[in-house]
Amino acid sequence: ASRVTKISQVPWEYMKINRRLHLSKVKHSKFNESGQLVAFHLTSACIFSLFQEGYISNPRSLWENYPHVYLPFQVKFFYLCQLAYWLHALPELYFQKVRKEEIPRQLRCIALYLVHIAGAYLLNLTRLGLILLLLQYLAEFFFHMARLVYFTDENNEKLFNVWAVVFVVTRLFTLTLYILVMGFGLPRVENQTLDPERGNFFSFLFNNILFRMSVLLLVCLFQASVMWRFIHFQLRRWREPSFLSPSPGYHENGVVKAENGTSPRTKKLKSP
């Protein structure tokens, strides 16, 4: 009974924190969003570390024995949970009564996550997808932690500097992995003959240099757009100290990954 009581007190304590901060409706919504995503990204990253099976220490395993049709149960379950989470985010937009101005951003973020996760699963690139998700969620975790800290103390923006470093590093690693796996790894797999039953249809396509270059070009353009948003965000933040706005990428980028941060602070007008 005492255990049930403690669990039931958690939402009430969370509500009390929100009340003490005296947040506006917009900031209150973003505070709740960041709190939820911090827990989700941290949990996903911790679960990944339990069954990454040496993918990080041995990059060759990302393309060796491709196509990776037969997945361990925990990897398949992880992918299904990720898809379920982002699919559930769609009806949540209605139940949480998200503002109309926020819906396009939220839909864009959800769509990018679903496309990337489902694409990695259906194209048998699950090993590469796991590493990219880890990098993405790492950057997202620091961003939403920085936003939570900012809401508690608007003069404390130091964690945004940490997020900026992590964001740039994860973008570089992401682009490097794409080039390494798609440009050099997959074209060298042993079985290049077309055999749909073995799931190597895309292995066959990756032997085509035109297809490889097209995919890499799309990836580079997307990463360039993400970095442009990031640079634009940082320049505005340095020029306008009171500015703290949407996250520049789908880190969500998404994926990237959540695009909006806090709203710009408006000055109060003195009554005549």
Protein backbone atom coordinates (compact mmCIF):
# COMPACT_ATOMS: atom_id res chain seq x y z
CA ALA A 1 0.00 0.00 0.00
CA SER A 2 2.85 2.37 0.85
CA ARG A 3 4.44 1.67 -2.53
CA VAL A 4 1.20 2.53 -4.35
CA THR A 5 0.95 5.74 -2.34
CA LYS A 6 4.47 6.80 -3.31
CA ILE A 7 3.79 6.15 -7.01
CA SER A 8 0.54 8.11 -6.88
CA GLN A 9 2.38 11.06 -5.35
CA VAL A 10 4.73 11.44 -8.33
CA PRO A 11 2.27 13.26 -10.65
CA TRP A 12 1.21 15.52 -7.76
CA GLU A 13 4.83 16.43 -7.03
CA TYR A 14 5.36 17.16 -10.73
CA MET A 15 2.31 19.44 -10.73
CA LYS A 16 3.64 21.29 -7.69
CA ILE A 17 6.92 21.94 -9.50
CA ASN A 18 5.01 23.39 -12.43
CA ARG A 19 3.03 25.66 -10.13
CA ARG A 20 6.14 26.93 -8.34
CA LEU A 21 7.73 27.92 -11.66
CA HIS A 22 4.70 30.07 -12.61
CA LEU A 23 5.01 29.15 -16.28
CA SER A 24 2.75 30.43 -19.00
CA LYS A 25 0.58 27.96 -20.89
CA VAL A 26 3.07 27.78 -23.76
CA LYS A 27 6.08 27.24 -21.51
CA HIS A 28 4.10 24.83 -19.35
CA SER A 29 3.40 22.73 -22.45
CA LYS A 30 7.05 22.79 -23.50
CA PHE A 31 8.18 21.95 -19.96
CA ASN A 32 5.98 18.85 -19.95
CA GLU A 33 7.14 17.91 -23.44
CA SER A 34 10.80 18.13 -22.47
CA GLY A 35 10.24 16.20 -19.26
CA GLN A 36 8.62 13.35 -21.17
CA LEU A 37 11.26 13.29 -23.92
CA VAL A 38 14.17 13.37 -21.46
CA ALA A 39 12.85 10.19 -19.85
CA PHE A 40 12.19 8.55 -23.23
CA HIS A 41 15.59 9.38 -24.75
CA LEU A 42 17.47 8.34 -21.64
CA THR A 43 15.56 5.05 -21.40
CA SER A 44 16.08 4.29 -25.10
CA ALA A 45 19.82 4.99 -24.88
CA CYS A 46 20.19 2.79 -21.78
CA ILE A 47 18.28 -0.08 -23.40
CA PHE A 48 20.42 0.19 -26.53
CA SER A 49 23.61 -0.14 -24.47
CA LEU A 50 22.40 -3.53 -23.24
CA PHE A 51 22.32 -5.16 -26.66
CA GLN A 52 24.49 -3.09 -29.01
CA GLU A 53 26.53 -6.31 -29.53
CA GLY A 54 29.82 -4.62 -30.39
CA TYR A 55 28.49 -2.48 -33.23
CA ILE A 56 30.35 0.58 -31.92
CA SER A 57 33.68 -1.15 -31.28
CA ASN A 58 33.53 -3.02 -34.62
CA PRO A 59 32.14 -0.75 -37.39
CA ARG A 60 32.57 -3.52 -39.98
CA SER A 61 29.68 -5.36 -38.33
CA LEU A 62 27.34 -2.63 -39.64
CA TRP A 63 27.55 -4.04 -43.16
CA GLU A 64 29.00 -7.53 -42.76
CA ASN A 65 26.57 -10.36 -43.60
CA TYR A 66 24.10 -7.89 -45.06
CA PRO A 67 21.10 -8.17 -45.39
CA HIS A 68 20.48 -8.48 -41.65
CA VAL A 69 17.19 -10.32 -41.97
CA TYR A 70 17.38 -12.41 -38.81
CA LEU A 71 17.29 -10.10 -35.80
CA PRO A 72 17.71 -10.95 -32.12
CA PHE A 73 14.42 -10.72 -30.26
CA GLN A 74 15.54 -7.72 -28.19
CA VAL A 75 16.52 -5.73 -31.30
CA LYS A 76 13.21 -6.40 -33.02
CA PHE A 77 11.32 -5.55 -29.83
CA PHE A 78 13.30 -2.32 -29.50
CA TYR A 79 12.34 -1.25 -33.03
CA LEU A 80 8.69 -2.08 -32.46
CA CYS A 81 8.68 -0.07 -29.24
CA GLN A 82 10.23 2.91 -31.03
CA LEU A 83 7.62 2.78 -33.78
CA ALA A 84 4.83 2.38 -31.22
CA TYR A 85 6.02 5.42 -29.26
CA TRP A 86 6.10 7.74 -32.27
CA LEU A 87 2.80 6.42 -33.59
CA HIS A 88 1.19 7.05 -30.22
CA ALA A 89 2.45 10.63 -30.41
CA LEU A 90 -0.07 11.33 -33.20
CA PRO A 91 -3.27 10.94 -31.13
CA GLU A 92 -1.44 12.63 -28.24
CA LEU A 93 -1.51 15.85 -30.22
CA TYR A 94 -5.29 15.80 -29.87
CA PHE A 95 -5.52 14.63 -26.28
CA GLN A 96 -2.90 17.12 -25.08
CA LYS A 97 -4.72 19.92 -26.92
CA VAL A 98 -1.58 21.11 -28.69
CA ARG A 99 -1.85 24.60 -30.14
CA LYS A 100 -2.53 24.83 -33.87
CA GLU A 101 0.74 26.72 -34.37
CA GLU A 102 2.68 23.81 -32.86
CA ILE A 103 0.98 21.00 -34.79
CA PRO A 104 2.98 21.34 -38.07
CA ARG A 105 6.27 21.20 -36.16
CA GLN A 106 5.16 18.21 -34.13
CA LEU A 107 3.90 16.36 -37.21
CA ARG A 108 7.16 17.04 -39.05
CA CYS A 109 9.17 15.68 -36.13
CA ILE A 110 7.03 12.56 -35.75
CA ALA A 111 7.04 11.89 -39.49
CA LEU A 112 10.84 12.10 -39.70
CA TYR A 113 11.29 9.68 -36.80
CA LEU A 114 8.80 7.22 -38.29
CA VAL A 115 10.36 7.38 -41.75
CA HIS A 116 13.91 6.85 -40.46
CA ILE A 117 13.06 4.07 -38.00
CA ALA A 118 10.71 2.23 -40.35
CA GLY A 119 13.17 2.69 -43.21
CA ALA A 120 16.04 1.15 -41.26
CA TYR A 121 13.81 -1.77 -40.24
CA LEU A 122 12.32 -2.47 -43.67
CA LEU A 123 15.61 -2.05 -45.57
CA ASN A 124 17.41 -4.43 -43.17
CA LEU A 125 19.73 -1.64 -42.01
CA THR A 126 18.86 -2.23 -38.37
CA ARG A 127 22.46 -2.13 -37.12
CA LEU A 128 23.14 1.24 -38.70
CA GLY A 129 19.75 2.44 -37.51
CA LEU A 130 20.57 1.57 -33.91
CA ILE A 131 23.77 3.61 -33.93
CA LEU A 132 22.11 6.58 -35.59
CA LEU A 133 19.24 6.48 -33.08
CA LEU A 134 21.73 6.46 -30.22
CA LEU A 135 23.49 9.54 -31.62
CA GLN A 136 20.18 11.28 -32.25
CA TYR A 137 18.77 10.56 -28.80
CA LEU A 138 22.01 11.66 -27.16
CA ALA A 139 21.73 15.11 -28.74
CA GLU A 140 18.01 15.26 -27.99
CA PHE A 141 18.58 14.35 -24.35
CA PHE A 142 20.97 17.26 -23.79
CA PHE A 143 18.70 19.69 -25.61
CA HIS A 144 15.64 18.88 -23.53
CA MET A 145 17.67 18.82 -20.31
CA ALA A 146 18.95 22.29 -21.20
CA ARG A 147 15.40 23.46 -21.80
CA LEU A 148 14.21 22.09 -18.46
CA VAL A 149 17.07 23.85 -16.66
CA TYR A 150 16.30 27.07 -18.52
CA PHE A 151 12.67 26.98 -17.41
CA THR A 152 13.72 26.67 -13.78
CA ASP A 153 16.28 29.49 -14.10
CA GLU A 154 16.13 31.70 -17.20
CA ASN A 155 19.62 33.02 -16.53
CA ASN A 156 21.13 29.56 -16.74
CA GLU A 157 21.88 28.67 -20.36
CA LYS A 158 25.18 26.83 -19.83
CA LEU A 159 23.70 23.45 -20.68
CA PHE A 160 22.75 24.80 -24.11
CA ASN A 161 26.48 25.22 -24.78
CA VAL A 162 27.03 21.58 -23.87
CA TRP A 163 24.16 20.60 -26.17
CA ALA A 164 25.70 22.65 -28.99
CA VAL A 165 28.97 20.70 -28.76
CA VAL A 166 27.17 17.35 -28.56
CA PHE A 167 24.94 18.30 -31.48
CA VAL A 168 27.86 19.14 -33.79
CA VAL A 169 29.77 15.98 -32.81
CA THR A 170 26.75 13.72 -33.38
CA ARG A 171 26.09 15.32 -36.79
CA LEU A 172 29.68 14.64 -37.85
CA PHE A 173 29.50 11.04 -36.65
CA THR A 174 26.14 10.56 -38.38
CA LEU A 175 27.44 11.80 -41.71
CA THR A 176 30.64 9.75 -41.35
CA LEU A 177 28.68 6.56 -40.66
CA TYR A 178 26.41 7.13 -43.65
CA ILE A 179 29.40 7.55 -45.97
CA LEU A 180 31.28 4.62 -44.43
CA VAL A 181 28.38 2.14 -44.58
CA MET A 182 26.60 3.19 -47.79
CA GLY A 183 29.60 4.40 -49.73
CA PHE A 184 32.22 1.78 -48.81
CA GLY A 185 30.63 -1.04 -46.82
CA LEU A 186 27.48 -2.18 -48.60
CA PRO A 187 28.97 -2.20 -52.13
CA ARG A 188 31.50 -4.80 -50.93
CA VAL A 189 29.08 -7.38 -49.55
CA GLU A 190 29.68 -10.81 -51.01
CA ASN A 191 26.18 -11.61 -52.28
CA GLN A 192 25.37 -8.99 -54.93
CA THR A 193 22.92 -11.10 -56.95
CA LEU A 194 19.24 -10.21 -56.82
CA ASP A 195 17.42 -12.59 -54.46
CA PRO A 196 14.25 -11.04 -52.94
CA GLU A 197 13.67 -14.10 -50.74
CA ARG A 198 16.87 -13.38 -48.85
CA GLY A 199 15.98 -9.71 -48.57
CA ASN A 200 19.02 -8.52 -50.52
CA PHE A 201 17.14 -6.35 -52.99
CA PHE A 202 18.77 -3.20 -51.66
CA SER A 203 22.12 -4.96 -51.42
CA PHE A 204 21.78 -5.43 -55.17
CA LEU A 205 20.91 -1.76 -55.64
CA PHE A 206 23.86 -0.58 -53.57
CA ASN A 207 26.13 -2.20 -56.14
CA ASN A 208 24.92 0.52 -58.52
CA ILE A 209 27.12 3.61 -58.16
CA LEU A 210 24.34 5.94 -59.36
CA PHE A 211 21.98 4.68 -56.63
CA ARG A 212 24.70 5.02 -53.95
CA MET A 213 25.59 8.55 -54.98
CA SER A 214 21.92 9.57 -55.04
CA VAL A 215 21.35 8.27 -51.51
CA LEU A 216 24.51 9.94 -50.19
CA LEU A 217 23.57 13.21 -51.87
CA LEU A 218 20.16 13.20 -50.18
CA VAL A 219 21.76 12.42 -46.82
CA CYS A 220 24.32 15.22 -47.21
CA LEU A 221 21.64 17.74 -48.21
CA PHE A 222 19.50 16.80 -45.22
CA GLN A 223 22.42 17.06 -42.79
CA ALA A 224 23.42 20.40 -44.35
CA SER A 225 19.89 21.75 -43.80
CA VAL A 226 20.02 20.61 -40.18
CA MET A 227 23.39 22.30 -39.61
CA TRP A 228 22.10 25.50 -41.26
CA ARG A 229 19.21 25.63 -38.80
CA PHE A 230 21.62 25.02 -35.96
CA ILE A 231 23.96 27.83 -37.06
CA HIS A 232 21.03 30.20 -37.55
CA PHE A 233 19.77 29.32 -34.08
CA GLN A 234 23.16 29.96 -32.44
CA LEU A 235 23.66 33.27 -34.26
CA ARG A 236 20.27 34.56 -33.10
CA ARG A 237 20.99 33.36 -29.58
CA TRP A 238 24.33 35.23 -29.43
CA ARG A 239 22.96 38.40 -30.98
CA GLU A 240 19.83 38.44 -28.83
CA PRO A 241 20.68 37.28 -25.28
CA SER A 242 16.98 37.14 -24.41
CA PHE A 243 16.25 34.86 -27.33
CA LEU A 244 15.71 31.17 -26.80
CA SER A 245 13.68 29.59 -29.52
CA PRO A 246 13.10 26.39 -31.47
CA SER A 247 15.71 23.75 -31.73
CA PRO A 248 17.31 23.94 -35.16
CA GLY A 249 17.07 20.30 -36.12
CA TYR A 250 15.18 17.08 -35.90
CA HIS A 251 17.32 15.42 -33.37
CA GLU A 252 14.73 14.98 -35.01
CA ASN A 253 16.67 15.68 -36.36
CA GLY A 254 14.63 14.08 -36.64
CA VAL A 255 15.60 12.46 -36.96
CA VAL A 256 15.88 14.40 -35.67
CA LYS A 257 15.01 15.16 -33.71
CA ALA A 258 12.11 18.51 -31.47
CA GLU A 259 12.35 21.69 -33.35
CA ASN A 260 10.95 24.32 -31.00
CA GLY A 261 12.42 25.50 -27.78
CA THR A 262 11.02 28.28 -25.67
CA SER A 263 9.25 31.27 -27.07
CA PRO A 264 11.01 34.63 -27.24
CA ARG A 265 10.42 36.64 -24.13
CA THR A 266 8.15 39.59 -24.69
CA LYS A 267 8.64 42.87 -22.90
CA LYS A 268 5.87 44.01 -20.63
CA LEU A 269 4.40 47.33 -21.58
CA LYS A 270 3.86 49.80 -18.80
CA SER A 271 0.35 51.11 -18.55
CA PRO A 272 0.06 54.86 -19.19
